[in-house]
């Protein structure tokens, strides 16, 4: 065994002993792999939601895929007096605990006679109840011009909304 290999093994053994004796966590904030797996099992699926807030009340279908994608369609996409017509919403999500996620989505707002096209960015925080198959969330919406980069640029908040939803199950 080389001197370098021996020192690595001794260092690893020392960390393991220190963890066992005094409870110090040397993982550098890395979550156990099972925590993320458990969260993904709780979150993954399609939900029928009821939304309310600055944009009135509307319904949506939101899908959270196992690999972290977020897709949504909503009943108010064709436009209502307070909302410019917009396309399907797409983005990504990540676990922040065993039952909570954060997500960021984007969609295109279509031009109207009085408004130019735009890009909307929504930031979500959602909590899931695996026993009941439900979700509760809050979202903050920002609007960007089509030539902006909503992933790097900032913009004022144009509205917030909340939603609750029920997981769609086969045969329901």
Protein backbone atom coordinates (compact mmCIF):
# COMPACT_ATOMS: atom_id res chain seq x y z
CA UNK A 1 0.00 0.00 0.00
CA UNK A 2 1.41 3.38 -0.95
CA UNK A 3 1.95 6.08 1.65
CA UNK A 4 -0.66 8.31 -0.09
CA UNK A 5 -3.28 5.53 -0.12
CA UNK A 6 -2.59 4.77 3.54
CA UNK A 7 -3.13 8.44 4.52
CA UNK A 8 -6.43 8.59 2.60
CA UNK A 9 -7.70 5.51 4.40
CA UNK A 10 -6.63 6.85 7.78
CA UNK A 11 -8.33 10.21 7.03
CA UNK A 12 -11.55 8.49 6.01
CA UNK A 13 -11.46 6.30 9.12
CA UNK A 14 -10.84 9.35 11.34
CA UNK A 15 -13.85 11.16 9.85
CA UNK A 16 -16.05 8.11 10.36
CA UNK A 17 -14.95 7.78 14.00
CA UNK A 18 -15.48 11.51 14.67
CA UNK A 19 -18.94 11.31 13.15
CA UNK A 20 -19.85 8.31 15.28
CA UNK A 21 -18.45 9.75 18.51
CA UNK A 22 -19.46 13.40 18.41
CA UNK A 23 -22.10 13.47 15.70
CA UNK A 24 -20.23 15.88 13.41
CA UNK A 25 -21.53 15.79 9.86
CA UNK A 26 -18.63 15.82 7.38
CA UNK A 27 -20.90 15.39 4.35
CA UNK A 28 -20.54 19.07 3.36
CA UNK A 29 -24.31 19.49 3.07
CA UNK A 30 -24.83 16.60 0.67
CA UNK A 31 -28.28 15.09 1.14
CA UNK A 32 -28.54 11.32 1.39
CA UNK A 33 -29.52 9.87 -1.99
CA UNK A 34 -32.69 8.38 -0.52
CA UNK A 35 -34.03 11.84 0.52
CA UNK A 36 -34.13 13.02 -3.10
CA UNK A 37 -35.58 9.67 -4.24
CA UNK A 38 -38.32 9.87 -1.60
CA UNK A 39 -39.18 13.43 -2.65
CA UNK A 40 -39.37 12.49 -6.32
CA UNK A 41 -41.76 9.62 -5.50
CA UNK A 42 -44.00 12.05 -3.59
CA UNK A 43 -43.97 14.78 -6.26
CA UNK A 44 -43.98 12.99 -9.62
CA UNK A 45 -47.35 13.01 -11.37
CA UNK A 46 -50.05 15.21 -12.87
CA UNK A 47 -52.26 17.42 -10.69
CA UNK A 48 -55.57 19.16 -11.36
CA UNK A 49 -55.23 22.52 -9.61
CA UNK A 50 -57.42 25.42 -8.54
CA UNK A 51 -55.55 28.73 -8.72
CA UNK A 52 -56.32 32.16 -7.31
CA UNK A 53 -54.57 35.47 -6.83
CA UNK A 54 -53.73 38.58 -8.80
CA UNK A 55 -54.99 36.98 -12.03
CA UNK A 56 -58.39 35.86 -10.75
CA UNK A 57 -59.40 32.23 -10.38
CA UNK A 58 -58.53 29.56 -12.94
CA UNK A 59 -57.78 25.85 -13.24
CA UNK A 60 -54.68 24.13 -14.54
CA UNK A 61 -53.08 20.78 -15.18
CA UNK A 62 -49.51 20.57 -13.91
CA UNK A 63 -47.16 17.65 -14.52
CA UNK A 64 -43.98 17.10 -12.52
CA UNK A 65 -41.79 14.49 -14.22
CA UNK A 66 -39.39 12.22 -12.34
CA UNK A 67 -36.38 13.82 -14.03
CA UNK A 68 -37.34 17.31 -12.82
CA UNK A 69 -39.35 18.80 -15.69
CA UNK A 70 -42.48 20.89 -15.08
CA UNK A 71 -45.27 21.26 -17.66
CA UNK A 72 -48.55 23.15 -17.23
CA UNK A 73 -51.60 24.25 -19.18
CA UNK A 74 -54.27 26.55 -17.77
CA UNK A 75 -57.90 27.47 -18.38
CA UNK A 76 -57.07 31.18 -18.79
CA UNK A 77 -54.35 30.80 -21.45
CA UNK A 78 -56.50 32.25 -24.23
CA UNK A 79 -56.60 35.51 -22.33
CA UNK A 80 -59.04 37.22 -20.02
CA UNK A 81 -59.43 40.95 -19.33
CA UNK A 82 -56.50 41.03 -16.88
CA UNK A 83 -54.23 38.51 -18.67
CA UNK A 84 -52.54 38.53 -22.04
CA UNK A 85 -52.94 35.21 -23.95
CA UNK A 86 -50.03 32.84 -23.30
CA UNK A 87 -48.70 29.43 -24.28
CA UNK A 88 -48.02 26.29 -22.31
CA UNK A 89 -45.70 26.63 -19.34
CA UNK A 90 -42.46 24.66 -19.15
CA UNK A 91 -39.63 24.56 -16.66
CA UNK A 92 -37.89 22.52 -14.02
CA UNK A 93 -38.18 21.67 -10.33
CA UNK A 94 -35.94 20.35 -7.56
CA UNK A 95 -36.51 18.91 -4.11
CA UNK A 96 -35.75 21.14 -1.13
CA UNK A 97 -36.95 18.57 1.44
CA UNK A 98 -38.73 15.22 1.40
CA UNK A 99 -42.09 16.90 0.58
CA UNK A 100 -41.20 20.34 -0.76
CA UNK A 101 -39.87 21.68 -4.05
CA UNK A 102 -38.94 24.90 -5.76
CA UNK A 103 -39.56 25.36 -9.47
CA UNK A 104 -38.98 27.89 -12.22
CA UNK A 105 -41.09 28.00 -15.38
CA UNK A 106 -41.26 30.06 -18.56
CA UNK A 107 -43.98 30.73 -21.10
CA UNK A 108 -44.55 33.08 -24.02
CA UNK A 109 -47.19 35.81 -23.86
CA UNK A 110 -48.72 36.36 -27.29
CA UNK A 111 -48.95 39.88 -28.71
CA UNK A 112 -52.33 41.60 -28.75
CA UNK A 113 -53.56 44.81 -30.38
CA UNK A 114 -52.28 46.78 -27.38
CA UNK A 115 -49.47 44.64 -25.90
CA UNK A 116 -46.25 43.25 -27.41
CA UNK A 117 -45.22 39.63 -27.02
CA UNK A 118 -43.30 38.83 -23.84
CA UNK A 119 -41.77 36.04 -21.76
CA UNK A 120 -43.18 35.24 -18.33
CA UNK A 121 -41.12 33.61 -15.60
CA UNK A 122 -42.76 32.08 -12.55
CA UNK A 123 -40.99 30.93 -9.40
CA UNK A 124 -42.83 28.36 -7.28
CA UNK A 125 -42.57 26.85 -3.82
CA UNK A 126 -44.79 23.79 -3.36
CA UNK A 127 -45.51 21.33 -0.56
CA UNK A 128 -46.92 17.85 -1.19
CA UNK A 129 -49.05 15.58 1.00
CA UNK A 130 -48.33 12.01 -0.15
CA UNK A 131 -51.10 10.45 1.96
CA UNK A 132 -53.82 12.54 0.29
CA UNK A 133 -52.09 13.05 -3.07
CA UNK A 134 -52.35 16.84 -2.84
CA UNK A 135 -50.17 19.88 -3.48
CA UNK A 136 -50.26 23.47 -2.17
CA UNK A 137 -48.12 26.15 -3.76
CA UNK A 138 -47.34 29.83 -4.13
CA UNK A 139 -45.99 31.44 -7.28
CA UNK A 140 -44.46 34.78 -8.19
CA UNK A 141 -44.68 35.98 -11.80
CA UNK A 142 -42.34 38.35 -13.62
CA UNK A 143 -42.62 39.58 -17.22
CA UNK A 144 -39.73 40.18 -19.63
CA UNK A 145 -39.43 41.58 -23.12
CA UNK A 146 -38.77 39.01 -25.83
CA UNK A 147 -35.16 40.17 -26.19
CA UNK A 148 -34.40 39.77 -22.46
CA UNK A 149 -32.96 36.66 -20.82
CA UNK A 150 -35.33 35.78 -17.95
CA UNK A 151 -32.79 33.23 -16.67
CA UNK A 152 -30.20 35.95 -16.03
CA UNK A 153 -32.08 39.26 -15.94
CA UNK A 154 -34.39 40.51 -13.20
CA UNK A 155 -37.77 42.18 -13.54
CA UNK A 156 -40.41 43.52 -11.15
CA UNK A 157 -43.05 41.14 -9.85
CA UNK A 158 -46.26 41.54 -11.86
CA UNK A 159 -48.36 39.21 -9.76
CA UNK A 160 -48.62 36.30 -7.37
CA UNK A 161 -51.00 33.38 -7.07
CA UNK A 162 -51.55 30.27 -5.01
CA UNK A 163 -52.92 26.90 -5.92
CA UNK A 164 -54.06 23.64 -4.44
CA UNK A 165 -54.26 20.46 -6.43
CA UNK A 166 -55.15 16.79 -6.44
CA UNK A 167 -53.00 14.13 -8.10
CA UNK A 168 -54.67 12.56 -11.16
CA UNK A 169 -54.73 8.77 -10.70
CA UNK A 170 -55.45 6.10 -13.32
CA UNK A 171 -59.09 5.06 -13.34
CA UNK A 172 -60.38 8.07 -11.38
